[in-house]
Amino acid sequence: MREPEGTDGGHRRGYGGHPDPAQSWPPPARDGSSVGRTTRWWPLLLVGLVAVVVVAVVLHPRAPLATPTPVPPPPAAPTRSVVSRSAPTTPTSRPSTLPLLTDPAPVSPRTTDLGGPVLGITAGWELFGRGTDSMVRIELAKGRLTRTAVPGLRSSGPVSFLVGPDRAAIRPLDFVPGFAVNDGRNATDLTGALDHGGPLIPGPDAGHVWADTAAQGSPDVMTLVDWQGRSTPTHFGVPADWSAVGATSDGAGNVLFTAPDGATYQARPDGRRLVTAGTLLASGPTGYLVSECDAAGKCRTSVLDRNTGTRKVLSSSIIPYLGGAGLISPDGKTAAVIDLAFVGSSAVRLSLVDLSSGVEHPLGADVGTPIRQSSMVWAPDSRRLFVATDTGRVAVVDRTTGQVGDLGLRLPFLEQLAIRAAPTTVATTARTTSATGGVDVPSCSRLAGIGSTDRPVPVGKPGTPAIGPVSFHPYPYAPGFPTKVIIRAEHDLAQPVVMRGYRCSDGKPLRFHFSYGGDTLPTPPFSDHQMQEVLGHTDAALHPMTAGADLGGYALFSSQGQWAITLERSGTVLGLVRIDVTTAATR
């Protein structure tokens, strides 16, 4: 399905009142032509920017993989199965010896019903893992595991693996193609500014990432980009004596660089700031853990508070092995660091450091050594650390006890992990009841405006629902078809915002299709399941717009009724409009 066209009037054609199932445009096939490969990452081996390089010292040999068997023919639709699983190991036990899953990745995404929540987790966040030929998505609260095949990468170097609201991005550091894995769909090429190599760094909100958008051979430029590959005006040039290949995340949506003298800087569009002249041990939402030495060679380990700038010197000194490879928990209480057991030692270990007391807790051989920084992720509640070990298994570390367990699942060999946070909801909620008792659903009160699909208001006319400078113009609704929506900037939209929505009756997320890249919709009509779970995305990024500009896209209303659309910035809801979805015949 073609993307909505521009402001020349073409964007008023297509679905939404004039459904035309024959009007579809399948995504272009890859021509298979070779992309000139430039190995961008080899200087890291020389300058020691090991935060993005595979750890060379490991404590366990890799488990051998079975010889692949022939790939079965593709199923007619994504398959779903129900399997039994072993109980996850308790916090006081060693990891189980469940064999790795060596079956070839399925041709189409395969979802497995696990029979209940994993690790007893009931929150809505999800765990993702990337292997050599596939990606797994574990919906822990729902007890579902989806494995999706990923084509082989044309690079053996470092790879960025990030997860957004409805997809994952796999992008090599080399100038070779990467892949997007949308929820429930096969892997496709990354599009727009994401379609060539370079680092990807988490952005300041869930809808954006930092990407090196410079052309091959040109000075590096880090640009804030949405998941469709559309660049925003927010960017900064990388100093000539730095390199984008060494970019890492500061854990709070900004970019860190290591200068040639070993100092670590935070870089943003408004300038750069020195974090430490010593060694960065770990970073996270609340600050940094650093090791700094004086002229006499005496070294101290300190915690730097991001908000206040205060420095707390810990009682113990950590001997760094991988600068910047550690992660501070979301609550700022614990750091997971890769360090050496003692000065002169070659024994590399993973340890938890209590950032209040300074006490270090080595995790021992049960967890081995992570392959890279992106092989570790903290749970959003900071209770657990997940580690993709050098044996390809996922270890689960209980922060309270320091004991190592596992997920109790057979998984393929995984190298990198990522977390998708639970979806955000509007702060105000309304109480609704059912025969089984009361449940909370997002509110459709405190409205900034009300619109209707059976009474469209033309662009530029008064009476349209609006949030701040942005007005919403839904077109007529037809069951099973995307509904066209025009977004107009009545005044300048100076900063990017994220659009989300939900059904007022039960809080079911509304999915959108606002995209300019190769991310297209198939031919409608669509089933309710497709509209609710598969197609489109649960958010849409709106970039800065000048007054009078408009943007065409689609809302995937899966039913008639009242739906809410919100605009958010940095997790704060700016306002809400209600769209009454109905057809003229049912009015």
Protein backbone atom coordinates (compact mmCIF):
# COMPACT_ATOMS: atom_id res chain seq x y z
CA MET A 1 0.00 0.00 0.00
CA ARG A 2 1.48 3.33 -1.03
CA GLU A 3 2.33 5.90 1.57
CA PRO A 4 0.11 8.99 1.76
CA GLU A 5 1.34 11.58 -0.67
CA GLY A 6 2.31 15.18 -0.10
CA THR A 7 0.43 18.43 0.16
CA ASP A 8 -0.41 18.72 -3.51
CA GLY A 9 -3.80 17.16 -2.96
CA GLY A 10 -2.65 13.62 -3.67
CA HIS A 11 -2.72 12.75 0.01
CA ARG A 12 -6.49 13.06 -0.05
CA ARG A 13 -6.82 10.02 -2.29
CA GLY A 14 -6.81 6.34 -1.32
CA TYR A 15 -8.35 4.56 1.65
CA GLY A 16 -10.75 6.11 4.13
CA GLY A 17 -14.08 6.73 2.43
CA HIS A 18 -12.85 5.53 -0.96
CA PRO A 19 -11.48 2.06 -0.27
CA ASP A 20 -9.85 0.51 -3.29
CA PRO A 21 -8.47 -2.95 -2.54
CA ALA A 22 -6.81 -3.09 -5.94
CA GLN A 23 -4.67 -0.06 -5.14
CA SER A 24 -1.66 -1.68 -3.54
CA TRP A 25 2.06 -1.40 -3.99
CA PRO A 26 4.17 -4.30 -2.67
CA PRO A 27 7.61 -3.35 -1.35
CA PRO A 28 10.38 -3.54 -3.96
CA ALA A 29 12.49 -6.69 -3.94
CA ARG A 30 16.17 -6.43 -3.15
CA ASP A 31 18.19 -6.50 -6.32
CA GLY A 32 20.94 -8.47 -4.66
CA SER A 33 23.56 -6.01 -5.83
CA SER A 34 26.63 -5.81 -3.69
CA VAL A 35 27.04 -2.83 -1.45
CA GLY A 36 30.56 -1.51 -1.26
CA ARG A 37 31.89 -2.62 2.08
CA THR A 38 34.15 -0.44 4.12
CA THR A 39 35.28 -1.94 7.39
CA ARG A 40 34.75 1.01 9.71
CA TRP A 41 35.38 -0.77 12.97
CA TRP A 42 38.96 -2.02 12.64
CA PRO A 43 40.45 1.16 14.21
CA LEU A 44 38.70 0.18 17.43
CA LEU A 45 41.14 -2.68 17.78
CA LEU A 46 43.96 -0.17 17.75
CA VAL A 47 42.62 2.64 19.91
CA GLY A 48 40.94 0.40 22.50
CA LEU A 49 37.36 1.54 22.13
CA VAL A 50 36.30 -1.83 23.39
CA ALA A 51 32.81 -0.78 24.47
CA VAL A 52 31.52 -1.84 21.08
CA VAL A 53 33.93 -4.68 20.28
CA VAL A 54 33.56 -8.37 20.97
CA VAL A 55 35.23 -9.36 24.23
CA ALA A 56 38.33 -11.31 23.33
CA VAL A 57 38.78 -13.06 26.67
CA VAL A 58 36.14 -15.63 27.54
CA LEU A 59 35.78 -18.03 30.41
CA HIS A 60 33.89 -20.79 28.61
CA PRO A 61 34.23 -22.23 25.09
CA ARG A 62 31.30 -21.70 22.82
CA ALA A 63 28.90 -24.59 22.66
CA PRO A 64 29.10 -26.32 19.26
CA LEU A 65 26.07 -25.91 17.05
CA ALA A 66 24.49 -28.81 15.27
CA THR A 67 24.80 -29.07 11.51
CA PRO A 68 21.83 -27.21 10.02
CA THR A 69 19.09 -29.34 8.56
CA PRO A 70 17.20 -28.44 5.37
CA VAL A 71 14.78 -25.55 5.86
CA PRO A 72 11.15 -26.69 5.73
CA PRO A 73 8.74 -25.13 3.22
CA PRO A 74 7.11 -21.89 4.43
CA PRO A 75 3.83 -22.29 6.30
CA ALA A 76 0.70 -20.62 5.02
CA ALA A 77 0.66 -18.26 8.01
CA PRO A 78 2.75 -17.59 11.12
CA THR A 79 2.53 -20.72 13.22
CA ARG A 80 1.61 -20.95 16.86
CA SER A 81 2.32 -23.88 19.10
CA VAL A 82 1.96 -24.78 22.74
CA VAL A 83 4.89 -26.50 24.38
CA SER A 84 5.90 -27.52 27.84
CA ARG A 85 8.93 -25.93 29.40
CA SER A 86 11.19 -26.64 32.31
CA ALA A 87 10.62 -24.64 35.44
CA PRO A 88 12.97 -21.65 35.65
CA THR A 89 15.75 -22.21 38.07
CA THR A 90 15.30 -20.63 41.46
CA PRO A 91 17.53 -17.78 42.64
CA THR A 92 19.57 -20.20 44.76
CA SER A 93 20.36 -22.71 42.01
CA ARG A 94 22.88 -22.88 39.22
CA PRO A 95 21.76 -22.34 35.63
CA SER A 96 20.22 -25.40 34.03
CA THR A 97 21.95 -27.29 31.26
CA LEU A 98 19.07 -27.10 28.79
CA PRO A 99 20.57 -27.70 25.34
CA LEU A 100 20.63 -24.80 22.93
CA LEU A 101 17.98 -24.75 20.23
CA THR A 102 19.86 -25.67 17.06
CA ASP A 103 16.91 -26.02 14.68
CA PRO A 104 17.07 -23.68 11.67
CA ALA A 105 15.12 -20.47 12.14
CA PRO A 106 11.55 -20.76 10.81
CA VAL A 107 10.78 -19.28 7.41
CA SER A 108 7.92 -17.28 8.93
CA PRO A 109 7.76 -15.92 12.48
CA ARG A 110 6.84 -18.73 14.85
CA THR A 111 5.07 -18.00 18.13
CA THR A 112 5.15 -20.48 21.00
CA ASP A 113 2.68 -20.41 23.89
CA LEU A 114 4.74 -20.99 27.03
CA GLY A 115 1.78 -21.82 29.24
CA GLY A 116 2.05 -18.86 31.60
CA PRO A 117 4.22 -15.92 32.66
CA VAL A 118 7.99 -16.38 32.57
CA LEU A 119 9.70 -15.96 35.97
CA GLY A 120 6.34 -14.90 37.38
CA ILE A 121 6.69 -11.49 35.72
CA THR A 122 3.38 -9.68 35.26
CA ALA A 123 4.61 -6.28 34.01
CA GLY A 124 4.28 -5.54 30.30
CA TRP A 125 7.96 -5.21 29.35
CA GLU A 126 9.56 -7.69 26.95
CA LEU A 127 12.97 -9.31 26.44
CA PHE A 128 14.58 -9.61 22.98
CA GLY A 129 17.62 -11.58 21.90
CA ARG A 130 19.65 -11.65 18.66
CA GLY A 131 21.50 -14.68 17.37
CA THR A 132 23.36 -15.41 14.16
CA ASP A 133 20.30 -16.41 12.13
CA SER A 134 17.28 -15.29 14.13
CA MET A 135 15.79 -12.98 16.73
CA VAL A 136 13.61 -14.00 19.66
CA ARG A 137 10.95 -11.88 21.36
CA ILE A 138 9.86 -13.04 24.82
CA GLU A 139 6.60 -11.54 26.10
CA LEU A 140 7.25 -12.54 29.69
CA ALA A 141 3.89 -11.61 31.23
CA LYS A 142 1.90 -13.18 28.39
CA GLY A 143 4.08 -16.29 28.27
CA ARG A 144 4.80 -16.08 24.55
CA LEU A 145 8.00 -16.56 22.58
CA THR A 146 8.35 -15.55 18.92
CA ARG A 147 11.34 -16.54 16.82
CA THR A 148 11.95 -14.72 13.53
CA ALA A 149 14.57 -15.56 10.91
CA VAL A 150 17.09 -12.82 10.11
CA PRO A 151 19.22 -12.94 6.94
CA GLY A 152 22.96 -13.23 7.37
CA LEU A 153 24.86 -9.99 7.80
CA ARG A 154 27.58 -9.02 5.34
CA SER A 155 29.90 -8.06 8.18
CA SER A 156 31.68 -9.90 10.96
CA GLY A 157 32.15 -6.70 12.94
CA PRO A 158 30.12 -5.12 15.74
CA VAL A 159 26.35 -4.81 15.39
CA SER A 160 23.84 -2.41 16.95
CA PHE A 161 20.73 -4.16 18.26
CA LEU A 162 17.95 -1.86 19.47
CA VAL A 163 14.25 -2.36 20.10
CA GLY A 164 11.52 0.21 19.51
CA PRO A 165 7.81 0.30 20.28
CA ASP A 166 6.92 -2.20 17.55
CA ARG A 167 10.13 -3.40 15.91
CA ALA A 168 13.78 -4.21 16.36
CA ALA A 169 16.68 -2.81 14.35
CA ILE A 170 19.82 -4.80 13.53
CA ARG A 171 22.46 -2.56 11.99
CA PRO A 172 26.14 -3.48 11.42
CA LEU A 173 28.80 -0.88 12.04
CA ASP A 174 30.17 -1.49 8.54
CA PHE A 175 28.60 0.19 5.50
CA VAL A 176 26.43 -2.83 4.72
CA PRO A 177 22.64 -3.32 4.93
CA GLY A 178 20.88 -3.98 8.21
CA PHE A 179 17.42 -5.29 8.97
CA ALA A 180 14.21 -4.30 10.70
CA VAL A 181 12.09 -6.95 12.40
CA ASN A 182 8.56 -5.67 12.89
CA ASP A 183 6.45 -7.51 15.45
CA GLY A 184 4.99 -10.66 13.91
CA ARG A 185 6.51 -10.02 10.48
CA ASN A 186 9.50 -11.23 8.51
CA ALA A 187 12.72 -9.25 8.56
CA THR A 188 12.99 -6.44 5.99
CA ASP A 189 15.71 -4.01 5.00
CA LEU A 190 16.17 -0.94 7.16
CA THR A 191 14.93 2.14 5.35
CA GLY A 192 15.73 5.82 5.00
CA ALA A 193 18.59 7.11 7.11
CA LEU A 194 18.94 3.68 8.73
CA ASP A 195 19.67 1.78 5.52
CA HIS A 196 23.46 2.01 5.70
CA GLY A 197 25.96 1.06 8.35
CA GLY A 198 27.02 2.89 11.46
CA PRO A 199 26.17 2.91 15.16
CA LEU A 200 22.62 3.20 16.50
CA ILE A 201 22.23 4.70 19.96
CA PRO A 202 18.96 4.88 21.94
CA GLY A 203 17.41 8.35 21.69
CA PRO A 204 15.77 10.54 24.33
CA ASP A 205 12.37 8.90 23.76
CA ALA A 206 11.11 5.52 22.60
CA GLY A 207 10.32 6.81 19.11
CA HIS A 208 13.84 7.89 18.11
CA VAL A 209 17.44 6.71 17.87
CA TRP A 210 20.73 8.45 17.20
CA ALA A 211 22.28 7.33 13.90
CA ASP A 212 25.39 8.25 11.98
CA THR A 213 23.83 9.69 8.82
CA ALA A 214 27.02 10.81 7.08
CA ALA A 215 27.72 9.54 3.61
CA GLN A 216 30.63 7.16 3.22
CA GLY A 217 33.86 9.14 3.35
CA SER A 218 32.19 12.28 4.77
CA PRO A 219 32.60 13.70 8.30
CA ASP A 220 30.43 11.86 10.81
CA VAL A 221 27.09 13.41 11.77
CA MET A 222 24.85 12.00 14.50
CA THR A 223 21.16 12.63 13.72
CA LEU A 224 18.02 11.87 15.68
CA VAL A 225 16.04 9.48 13.46
CA ASP A 226 12.72 7.71 13.89
CA TRP A 227 12.24 3.99 13.40
CA GLN A 228 11.13 4.45 9.79
CA GLY A 229 14.47 6.11 9.01
CA ARG A 230 13.15 9.66 8.81
CA SER A 231 15.69 12.21 10.01
CA THR A 232 14.68 15.01 12.35
CA PRO A 233 16.38 18.44 12.32
CA THR A 234 18.17 17.48 15.55
CA HIS A 235 21.79 16.58 14.82
CA PHE A 236 25.41 17.36 15.68
CA GLY A 237 28.71 16.92 13.96
CA VAL A 238 31.28 14.56 15.42
CA PRO A 239 34.61 16.32 16.12
CA ALA A 240 37.30 15.49 13.59
CA ASP A 241 39.52 13.83 16.19
CA TRP A 242 36.69 11.56 17.34
CA SER A 243 34.90 8.82 15.43
CA ALA A 244 31.25 7.79 15.31
CA VAL A 245 32.30 4.14 15.43
CA GLY A 246 33.17 4.66 19.09
CA ALA A 247 29.77 6.12 20.00
CA THR A 248 27.97 4.50 22.93
CA SER A 249 24.88 5.27 24.97
CA ASP A 250 24.95 7.22 28.22
CA GLY A 251 21.88 5.33 29.38
CA ALA A 252 19.66 8.42 29.22
CA GLY A 253 19.19 9.08 25.51
CA ASN A 254 22.48 10.86 24.80
CA VAL A 255 25.70 9.83 23.07
CA LEU A 256 29.11 9.19 24.64
CA PHE A 257 32.46 9.36 22.86
CA THR A 258 35.96 8.42 23.94
CA ALA A 259 38.51 11.03 22.91
CA PRO A 260 41.99 10.05 21.71
CA ASP A 261 43.40 10.81 25.18
CA GLY A 262 40.97 8.30 26.75
CA ALA A 263 38.61 10.88 28.26
CA THR A 264 34.87 10.30 27.93
CA TYR A 265 32.55 13.05 26.72
CA GLN A 266 28.81 13.37 26.43
CA ALA A 267 27.92 14.93 23.07
CA ARG A 268 24.64 16.66 22.25
CA PRO A 269 23.44 19.22 19.71
CA ASP A 270 24.07 21.98 22.26
CA GLY A 271 27.69 21.00 22.82
CA ARG A 272 29.91 18.48 24.58
CA ARG A 273 30.59 17.88 28.27
CA LEU A 274 33.46 16.03 29.92
CA VAL A 275 32.23 13.04 31.91
CA THR A 276 35.59 11.78 33.11
CA ALA A 277 39.27 12.06 32.24
CA GLY A 278 39.68 8.56 33.64
CA THR A 279 37.94 5.30 32.64
CA LEU A 280 34.20 5.01 32.33
CA LEU A 281 33.16 1.76 34.00
CA ALA A 282 29.39 1.90 33.63
CA SER A 283 26.57 4.27 32.70
CA GLY A 284 22.83 4.39 33.22
CA PRO A 285 19.81 6.65 33.61
CA THR A 286 21.03 8.10 36.92
CA GLY A 287 24.70 8.68 36.15
CA TYR A 288 28.11 7.11 35.73
CA LEU A 289 30.60 4.85 37.49
CA VAL A 290 34.19 5.93 36.78
CA SER A 291 37.73 5.00 37.74
CA GLU A 292 40.18 7.89 38.00
CA CYS A 293 43.85 7.85 38.95
CA ASP A 294 46.08 10.63 40.28
CA ALA A 295 49.64 11.43 39.23
CA ALA A 296 50.98 8.97 41.80
CA GLY A 297 48.96 6.15 40.26
CA LYS A 298 46.43 5.90 43.07
CA CYS A 299 43.04 5.09 41.59
CA ARG A 300 39.58 5.65 42.99
CA THR A 301 36.15 4.51 41.86
CA SER A 302 33.41 7.12 42.00
CA VAL A 303 29.72 7.47 41.27
CA LEU A 304 28.75 10.62 39.35
CA ASP A 305 25.14 11.78 39.72
CA ARG A 306 23.75 12.89 36.38
CA ASN A 307 21.28 15.44 37.74
CA THR A 308 23.24 17.08 40.55
CA GLY A 309 26.79 16.57 39.31
CA THR A 310 27.84 15.34 42.75
CA ARG A 311 30.62 12.77 43.08
CA LYS A 312 30.69 9.93 45.61
CA VAL A 313 33.92 8.01 46.12
CA LEU A 314 33.38 4.32 46.83
CA SER A 315 35.28 2.40 49.49
CA SER A 316 36.55 -0.19 47.00
CA SER A 317 38.45 0.37 43.80
CA ILE A 318 37.39 -1.48 40.66
CA ILE A 319 40.09 -2.60 38.24
CA PRO A 320 38.66 -1.83 34.77
CA TYR A 321 38.84 -4.29 31.93
CA LEU A 322 36.33 -2.97 29.42
CA GLY A 323 35.89 0.76 29.61
CA GLY A 324 32.25 1.79 29.37
CA ALA A 325 30.99 -1.77 29.08
CA GLY A 326 29.09 -1.76 32.37
CA LEU A 327 25.45 -0.94 33.00
CA ILE A 328 23.90 0.90 35.94
CA SER A 329 20.46 -0.34 36.97
CA PRO A 330 17.45 1.90 36.24
CA ASP A 331 17.05 2.73 39.94
CA GLY A 332 20.71 3.74 40.18
CA LYS A 333 21.55 1.38 43.03
CA THR A 334 23.68 -1.27 41.31
CA ALA A 335 26.19 -1.46 38.47
CA ALA A 336 27.05 -4.55 36.46
CA VAL A 337 30.71 -4.23 35.44
CA ILE A 338 33.28 -6.34 33.63
CA ASP A 339 36.53 -6.10 35.60
CA LEU A 340 39.70 -7.92 36.62
CA ALA A 341 39.97 -9.88 39.84
CA PHE A 342 43.15 -8.02 40.90
CA VAL A 343 45.96 -5.92 39.44
CA GLY A 344 47.95 -7.96 36.94
CA SER A 345 45.27 -10.64 36.75
CA SER A 346 44.06 -12.03 33.43
CA ALA A 347 40.88 -13.39 35.00
CA VAL A 348 37.96 -11.43 33.61
CA ARG A 349 34.72 -11.49 35.56
CA LEU A 350 31.28 -9.95 35.74
CA SER A 351 30.46 -8.31 39.06
CA LEU A 352 27.60 -6.43 40.68
CA VAL A 353 28.67 -3.28 42.53
CA ASP A 354 26.48 -1.79 45.26
CA LEU A 355 26.69 1.94 44.46
CA SER A 356 25.75 2.86 48.02
CA SER A 357 28.22 0.75 49.98
CA GLY A 358 30.82 0.16 47.26
CA VAL A 359 30.78 -3.58 47.92
CA GLU A 360 31.55 -5.67 44.84
CA HIS A 361 29.93 -9.09 44.33
CA PRO A 362 31.65 -11.23 41.66
CA LEU A 363 29.10 -13.49 39.99
CA GLY A 364 31.49 -16.35 39.30
CA ALA A 365 31.70 -18.92 36.54
CA ASP A 366 27.94 -19.54 36.50
CA VAL A 367 27.40 -16.48 34.34
CA GLY A 368 30.71 -16.43 32.49
CA THR A 369 31.66 -13.26 30.63
CA PRO A 370 29.26 -11.24 28.45
CA ILE A 371 30.31 -11.03 24.83
CA ARG A 372 29.77 -7.25 24.66
CA GLN A 373 27.96 -4.44 26.47
CA SER A 374 24.76 -5.17 24.57
CA SER A 375 24.89 -8.72 25.93
CA MET A 376 23.55 -7.40 29.24
CA VAL A 377 20.25 -5.71 30.11
CA TRP A 378 18.62 -4.76 33.37
CA ALA A 379 14.95 -5.42 33.94
CA PRO A 380 13.04 -2.11 34.15
CA ASP A 381 12.32 -2.76 37.85
CA SER A 382 16.07 -3.38 38.49
CA ARG A 383 15.36 -6.73 40.19
CA ARG A 384 17.13 -8.86 37.59
CA LEU A 385 20.08 -8.66 35.23
CA PHE A 386 19.86 -10.70 32.02
CA VAL A 387 23.16 -11.78 30.48
CA ALA A 388 23.87 -13.46 27.15
CA THR A 389 26.92 -15.45 28.17
CA ASP A 390 29.81 -16.61 26.03
CA THR A 391 28.13 -20.02 25.85
CA GLY A 392 25.14 -18.48 24.06
CA ARG A 393 22.75 -19.00 26.97
CA VAL A 394 20.80 -16.35 28.86
CA ALA A 395 21.62 -16.15 32.55
CA VAL A 396 19.25 -14.43 34.98
CA VAL A 397 20.92 -12.76 37.94
CA ASP A 398 18.83 -12.00 41.00
CA ARG A 399 20.12 -8.67 42.32
CA THR A 400 19.01 -9.25 45.89
CA THR A 401 20.74 -12.62 46.33
CA GLY A 402 23.39 -12.40 43.61
CA GLN A 403 22.44 -15.92 42.55
CA VAL A 404 22.30 -16.99 38.92
CA GLY A 405 19.34 -18.76 37.33
CA ASP A 406 17.86 -18.94 33.86
CA LEU A 407 14.63 -18.47 31.93
CA GLY A 408 13.77 -22.16 31.79
CA LEU A 409 13.46 -21.94 28.00
CA ARG A 410 15.27 -23.59 25.12
CA LEU A 411 16.64 -20.75 23.03
CA PRO A 412 19.04 -20.46 20.11
CA PHE A 413 22.57 -19.18 20.67
CA LEU A 414 22.09 -15.49 21.53
CA GLU A 415 24.74 -12.79 21.41
CA GLN A 416 22.85 -9.58 22.20
CA LEU A 417 19.88 -8.66 24.40
CA ALA A 418 17.49 -5.72 24.50
CA ILE A 419 14.48 -4.65 26.55
CA ARG A 420 11.21 -3.14 25.35
CA ALA A 421 9.62 -1.08 28.09
CA ALA A 422 5.95 -1.55 28.86
CA PRO A 423 3.70 0.74 26.79
CA THR A 424 2.98 4.08 28.36
CA THR A 425 -0.59 5.06 29.10
CA VAL A 426 -2.38 8.31 29.80
CA ALA A 427 -1.87 9.33 33.42
CA THR A 428 -5.59 9.66 34.19
CA THR A 429 -7.66 6.48 34.23
CA ALA A 430 -11.36 5.86 34.43
CA ARG A 431 -12.92 2.96 36.30
CA THR A 432 -15.10 0.60 34.31
CA THR A 433 -16.68 -2.58 35.61
CA SER A 434 -17.63 -5.89 34.14
CA ALA A 435 -19.28 -9.07 35.28
CA THR A 436 -15.93 -10.31 36.54
CA GLY A 437 -15.13 -7.21 38.54
CA GLY A 438 -13.59 -3.80 38.04
CA VAL A 439 -10.73 -3.13 35.66
CA ASP A 440 -8.82 0.04 34.93
CA VAL A 441 -8.77 1.32 31.36
CA PRO A 442 -7.28 4.56 30.05
CA SER A 443 -9.61 7.54 30.29
CA CYS A 444 -11.25 9.35 27.40
CA SER A 445 -12.03 12.38 29.54
CA ARG A 446 -10.21 15.72 29.79
CA LEU A 447 -10.47 16.10 26.05
CA ALA A 448 -8.79 18.76 23.95
CA GLY A 449 -11.31 18.10 21.18
CA ILE A 450 -13.64 15.61 19.50
CA GLY A 451 -13.63 14.51 15.86
CA SER A 452 -15.72 12.06 13.86
CA THR A 453 -15.13 9.87 10.84
CA ASP A 454 -18.63 10.48 9.46
CA ARG A 455 -18.33 14.29 9.61
CA PRO A 456 -14.84 15.12 8.27
CA VAL A 457 -13.70 18.71 8.74
CA PRO A 458 -11.58 19.94 5.82
CA VAL A 459 -7.98 20.91 6.47
CA GLY A 460 -7.68 24.54 7.45
CA LYS A 461 -11.28 24.91 8.60
CA PRO A 462 -12.26 25.76 12.20
CA GLY A 463 -13.77 23.18 14.53
CA THR A 464 -11.14 20.49 14.11
CA PRO A 465 -9.88 18.61 17.21
CA ALA A 466 -6.39 19.77 18.11
CA ILE A 467 -3.67 19.29 20.69
CA GLY A 468 -1.54 22.40 20.93
CA PRO A 469 -0.48 23.39 17.40
CA VAL A 470 -1.49 20.04 15.83
CA SER A 471 -4.96 19.36 14.42
CA PHE A 472 -6.41 15.99 13.39
CA HIS A 473 -8.54 15.38 10.29
CA PRO A 474 -9.93 11.81 10.06
CA TYR A 475 -11.55 10.71 6.81
CA PRO A 476 -14.57 8.37 6.46
CA TYR A 477 -14.26 4.94 8.04
CA ALA A 478 -14.81 1.60 6.31
CA PRO A 479 -14.55 -1.68 8.28
CA GLY A 480 -11.39 -3.62 7.46
CA PHE A 481 -9.67 -0.67 5.78
CA PRO A 482 -7.15 1.86 7.12
CA THR A 483 -8.72 5.24 7.84
CA LYS A 484 -6.92 8.21 6.37
CA VAL A 485 -5.93 10.90 8.86
CA ILE A 486 -4.35 14.24 7.97
CA ILE A 487 -2.17 15.84 10.63
CA ARG A 488 -1.83 19.61 10.23
CA ALA A 489 0.41 22.11 11.99
CA GLU A 490 -1.89 25.05 12.70
CA HIS A 491 1.13 26.75 14.27
CA ASP A 492 4.80 25.82 14.30
CA LEU A 493 5.51 22.47 15.96
CA ALA A 494 8.97 23.28 17.31
CA GLN A 495 9.86 19.92 18.91
CA PRO A 496 9.13 16.31 17.92
CA VAL A 497 6.24 14.52 19.60
CA VAL A 498 4.96 10.94 19.61
CA MET A 499 1.37 10.10 18.70
CA ARG A 500 -0.33 7.13 20.38
CA GLY A 501 -3.92 6.01 20.79
CA TYR A 502 -6.31 3.47 22.26
CA ARG A 503 -9.94 2.35 22.25
CA CYS A 504 -11.88 4.08 25.01
CA SER A 505 -13.95 1.02 25.93
CA ASP A 506 -11.06 -1.31 26.83
CA GLY A 507 -7.76 0.51 26.31
CA LYS A 508 -6.82 -1.57 23.24
CA PRO A 509 -3.87 0.22 21.56
CA LEU A 510 -4.55 1.98 18.27
CA ARG A 511 -2.07 1.25 15.52
CA PHE A 512 -0.90 3.79 12.93
CA HIS A 513 0.78 3.75 9.55
CA PHE A 514 2.74 6.96 8.99
CA SER A 515 5.81 6.06 6.98
CA TYR A 516 7.86 7.22 4.00
CA GLY A 517 10.26 4.32 3.60
CA GLY A 518 9.73 0.83 2.22
CA ASP A 519 7.45 -0.05 5.13
CA THR A 520 4.19 -0.66 3.29
CA LEU A 521 0.83 -2.21 4.04
CA PRO A 522 -0.50 -5.24 2.14
CA THR A 523 -3.75 -5.15 0.21
CA PRO A 524 -6.90 -4.72 2.34
CA PRO A 525 -9.44 -5.63 3.60
CA PHE A 526 -7.85 -6.73 6.86
CA SER A 527 -9.04 -8.89 9.74
CA ASP A 528 -9.54 -7.51 13.24
CA HIS A 529 -6.43 -9.43 14.34
CA GLN A 530 -4.32 -7.78 11.65
CA MET A 531 -5.62 -4.34 12.54
CA GLN A 532 -5.07 -4.88 16.28
CA GLU A 533 -1.86 -6.90 16.47
CA VAL A 534 0.09 -7.09 13.22
CA LEU A 535 -0.10 -4.11 10.87
CA GLY A 536 1.22 -0.63 11.43
CA HIS A 537 2.79 0.57 14.65
CA THR A 538 1.59 1.52 18.10
CA ASP A 539 3.09 4.98 17.80
CA ALA A 540 3.95 7.53 15.14
CA ALA A 541 6.63 10.20 15.42
CA LEU A 542 5.67 13.72 14.41
CA HIS A 543 8.72 15.81 13.63
CA PRO A 544 8.94 19.61 13.79
CA MET A 545 6.59 21.19 11.27
CA THR A 546 6.09 24.77 10.15
CA ALA A 547 2.66 26.35 10.33
CA GLY A 548 0.46 25.21 7.45
CA ALA A 549 2.33 21.94 6.80
CA ASP A 550 0.37 18.72 6.83
CA LEU A 551 1.19 15.03 7.01
CA GLY A 552 -0.91 12.17 5.65
CA GLY A 553 -1.15 8.72 7.18
CA TYR A 554 -3.56 6.06 8.39
CA ALA A 555 -5.17 5.03 11.67
CA LEU A 556 -6.04 1.33 11.90
CA PHE A 557 -9.38 1.52 13.69
CA SER A 558 -10.37 -2.12 14.20
CA SER A 559 -13.94 -1.33 15.22
CA GLN A 560 -16.50 1.40 15.46
CA GLY A 561 -16.75 3.32 18.73
CA GLN A 562 -14.80 5.98 20.58
CA TRP A 563 -11.02 6.08 20.19
CA ALA A 564 -8.50 8.41 21.83
CA ILE A 565 -5.35 9.88 20.26
CA THR A 566 -2.66 11.43 22.44
CA LEU A 567 0.51 13.41 21.83
CA GLU A 568 3.47 12.78 24.12
CA ARG A 569 6.90 14.30 24.59
CA SER A 570 9.53 12.58 26.73
CA GLY A 571 6.86 10.41 28.34
CA THR A 572 4.58 13.34 29.24
CA VAL A 573 1.08 13.39 27.73
CA LEU A 574 0.45 16.80 26.17
CA GLY A 575 -3.23 16.26 25.43
CA LEU A 576 -5.94 13.94 24.16
CA VAL A 577 -8.55 14.09 21.40
CA ARG A 578 -11.41 11.64 20.91
CA ILE A 579 -12.36 10.30 17.50
CA ASP A 580 -15.87 8.88 17.18
CA VAL A 581 -15.47 6.12 14.62
CA THR A 582 -18.65 5.27 12.78
CA THR A 583 -20.07 5.08 9.29
CA ALA A 584 -22.76 7.37 7.96
CA ALA A 585 -25.13 4.39 7.77
CA THR A 586 -24.86 3.70 11.51
CA ARG A 587 -25.04 7.26 12.65
